[in-house]
Amino acid sequence: MLFNMIRGIEETPLYQEAFQKGEAQGEARGRAEEARKLLILQGRKKFGPLDEQTEAKIAALSDLDRLHELGARILDVVSWDELLADSSNEPE
């Protein structure tokens, strides 16, 4: 990477800002991935295996608040379809 070849760039404000943004984005993606994994684990235990369409719907979810909402709601529904009924409307 070009940045690695330039000495001292790590101390510049622009570099620090870019690094922090990248770190925050990576953390957010990681938290969403863990929430999806937990949703799938809980759902498999309650509803059984996922079909391809259900798996694709869950994979498309990126909003952490929505994932948390589904995790809480899983206790109140009887199927994957009911849980994900309005998930297809999530903005990306």
C-alpha atoms as a PDB file:
ATOM      1  CA  MET A   1       0.000   0.000   0.000  1.00  0.00           C
ATOM      2  CA  LEU A   2       1.277   3.467  -0.879  1.00  0.00           C
ATOM      3  CA  PHE A   3       0.553   4.838   2.608  1.00  0.00           C
ATOM      4  CA  ASN A   4       2.956   2.323   4.113  1.00  0.00           C
ATOM      5  CA  MET A   5       5.752   3.749   1.972  1.00  0.00           C
ATOM      6  CA  ILE A   6       5.355   7.325   3.204  1.00  0.00           C
ATOM      7  CA  ARG A   7       7.029   7.874   6.562  1.00  0.00           C
ATOM      8  CA  GLY A   8       5.079   9.778   9.165  1.00  0.00           C
ATOM      9  CA  ILE A   9       1.774   9.713   7.329  1.00  0.00           C
ATOM     10  CA  GLU A  10       0.195   7.836  10.243  1.00  0.00           C
ATOM     11  CA  GLU A  11       0.444  10.985  12.342  1.00  0.00           C
ATOM     12  CA  THR A  12      -1.391  13.269   9.923  1.00  0.00           C
ATOM     13  CA  PRO A  13      -4.958  14.305  10.788  1.00  0.00           C
ATOM     14  CA  LEU A  14      -6.294  13.168   7.407  1.00  0.00           C
ATOM     15  CA  TYR A  15      -4.799   9.704   7.818  1.00  0.00           C
ATOM     16  CA  GLN A  16      -6.090   9.440  11.387  1.00  0.00           C
ATOM     17  CA  GLU A  17      -9.589  10.442  10.312  1.00  0.00           C
ATOM     18  CA  ALA A  18      -9.609   7.916   7.469  1.00  0.00           C
ATOM     19  CA  PHE A  19      -8.252   5.209   9.753  1.00  0.00           C
ATOM     20  CA  GLN A  20     -10.883   5.893  12.423  1.00  0.00           C
ATOM     21  CA  LYS A  21     -13.700   5.883   9.852  1.00  0.00           C
ATOM     22  CA  GLY A  22     -12.494   2.575   8.455  1.00  0.00           C
ATOM     23  CA  GLU A  23     -12.170   1.123  11.921  1.00  0.00           C
ATOM     24  CA  ALA A  24     -15.699   2.254  12.868  1.00  0.00           C
ATOM     25  CA  GLN A  25     -17.151   0.819   9.648  1.00  0.00           C
ATOM     26  CA  GLY A  26     -15.384  -2.474  10.248  1.00  0.00           C
ATOM     27  CA  GLU A  27     -16.682  -2.603  13.803  1.00  0.00           C
ATOM     28  CA  ALA A  28     -20.253  -1.908  12.635  1.00  0.00           C
ATOM     29  CA  ARG A  29     -20.016  -4.666   9.999  1.00  0.00           C
ATOM     30  CA  GLY A  30     -18.677  -7.066  12.624  1.00  0.00           C
ATOM     31  CA  ARG A  31     -21.473  -6.271  15.064  1.00  0.00           C
ATOM     32  CA  ALA A  32     -24.099  -6.791  12.348  1.00  0.00           C
ATOM     33  CA  GLU A  33     -22.490 -10.095  11.355  1.00  0.00           C
ATOM     34  CA  GLU A  34     -22.605 -11.328  14.952  1.00  0.00           C
ATOM     35  CA  ALA A  35     -26.247 -10.249  15.288  1.00  0.00           C
ATOM     36  CA  ARG A  36     -27.100 -12.163  12.083  1.00  0.00           C
ATOM     37  CA  LYS A  37     -25.302 -15.264  13.387  1.00  0.00           C
ATOM     38  CA  LEU A  38     -27.194 -15.118  16.687  1.00  0.00           C
ATOM     39  CA  LEU A  39     -30.509 -14.610  14.893  1.00  0.00           C
ATOM     40  CA  ILE A  40     -29.812 -17.679  12.744  1.00  0.00           C
ATOM     41  CA  LEU A  41     -28.771 -19.791  15.750  1.00  0.00           C
ATOM     42  CA  GLN A  42     -31.884 -18.866  17.702  1.00  0.00           C
ATOM     43  CA  GLY A  43     -34.118 -19.242  14.680  1.00  0.00           C
ATOM     44  CA  ARG A  44     -32.777 -22.682  13.792  1.00  0.00           C
ATOM     45  CA  LYS A  45     -33.468 -23.846  17.314  1.00  0.00           C
ATOM     46  CA  LYS A  46     -37.020 -22.483  17.252  1.00  0.00           C
ATOM     47  CA  PHE A  47     -38.071 -22.844  13.584  1.00  0.00           C
ATOM     48  CA  GLY A  48     -35.668 -25.393  12.099  1.00  0.00           C
ATOM     49  CA  PRO A  49     -33.351 -24.971   9.120  1.00  0.00           C
ATOM     50  CA  LEU A  50     -33.434 -21.966   6.809  1.00  0.00           C
ATOM     51  CA  ASP A  51     -34.274 -22.238   3.151  1.00  0.00           C
ATOM     52  CA  GLU A  52     -32.187 -20.320   0.606  1.00  0.00           C
ATOM     53  CA  GLN A  53     -34.642 -17.421   0.379  1.00  0.00           C
ATOM     54  CA  THR A  54     -34.721 -16.950   4.155  1.00  0.00           C
ATOM     55  CA  GLU A  55     -30.949 -17.148   4.359  1.00  0.00           C
ATOM     56  CA  ALA A  56     -30.657 -14.498   1.628  1.00  0.00           C
ATOM     57  CA  LYS A  57     -33.077 -12.200   3.468  1.00  0.00           C
ATOM     58  CA  ILE A  58     -31.067 -12.462   6.673  1.00  0.00           C
ATOM     59  CA  ALA A  59     -27.780 -11.976   4.833  1.00  0.00           C
ATOM     60  CA  ALA A  60     -29.172  -8.763   3.325  1.00  0.00           C
ATOM     61  CA  LEU A  61     -29.940  -7.255   6.744  1.00  0.00           C
ATOM     62  CA  SER A  62     -27.325  -4.699   7.733  1.00  0.00           C
ATOM     63  CA  ASP A  63     -29.114  -2.388  10.159  1.00  0.00           C
ATOM     64  CA  LEU A  64     -28.034  -3.376  13.674  1.00  0.00           C
ATOM     65  CA  ASP A  65     -31.162  -1.948  15.285  1.00  0.00           C
ATOM     66  CA  ARG A  66     -33.334  -4.006  12.921  1.00  0.00           C
ATOM     67  CA  LEU A  67     -31.342  -7.139  13.701  1.00  0.00           C
ATOM     68  CA  HIS A  68     -31.773  -6.516  17.429  1.00  0.00           C
ATOM     69  CA  GLU A  69     -35.499  -5.974  16.900  1.00  0.00           C
ATOM     70  CA  LEU A  70     -35.756  -9.314  15.085  1.00  0.00           C
ATOM     71  CA  GLY A  71     -33.771 -11.001  17.843  1.00  0.00           C
ATOM     72  CA  ALA A  72     -36.264  -9.782  20.426  1.00  0.00           C
ATOM     73  CA  ARG A  73     -39.252 -10.518  18.199  1.00  0.00           C
ATOM     74  CA  ILE A  74     -38.182 -14.110  17.583  1.00  0.00           C
ATOM     75  CA  LEU A  75     -39.841 -15.029  20.886  1.00  0.00           C
ATOM     76  CA  ASP A  76     -43.219 -13.783  19.639  1.00  0.00           C
ATOM     77  CA  VAL A  77     -43.495 -15.471  16.231  1.00  0.00           C
ATOM     78  CA  VAL A  78     -43.920 -19.046  15.010  1.00  0.00           C
ATOM     79  CA  SER A  79     -41.965 -19.140  11.732  1.00  0.00           C
ATOM     80  CA  TRP A  80     -39.137 -17.627   9.739  1.00  0.00           C
ATOM     81  CA  ASP A  81     -41.723 -16.156   7.362  1.00  0.00           C
ATOM     82  CA  GLU A  82     -43.552 -14.397  10.172  1.00  0.00           C
ATOM     83  CA  LEU A  83     -40.301 -13.099  11.651  1.00  0.00           C
ATOM     84  CA  LEU A  84     -39.077 -11.713   8.339  1.00  0.00           C
ATOM     85  CA  ALA A  85     -42.436 -10.623   6.940  1.00  0.00           C
ATOM     86  CA  ASP A  86     -41.435  -6.964   6.581  1.00  0.00           C
ATOM     87  CA  SER A  87     -37.641  -7.353   6.389  1.00  0.00           C
ATOM     88  CA  SER A  88     -37.619  -7.094   2.597  1.00  0.00           C
ATOM     89  CA  ASN A  89     -38.457  -3.376   2.952  1.00  0.00           C
ATOM     90  CA  GLU A  90     -35.245  -2.544   4.826  1.00  0.00           C
ATOM     91  CA  PRO A  91     -33.294   0.296   3.181  1.00  0.00           C
ATOM     92  CA  GLU A  92     -29.631  -0.384   2.601  1.00  0.00           C
END
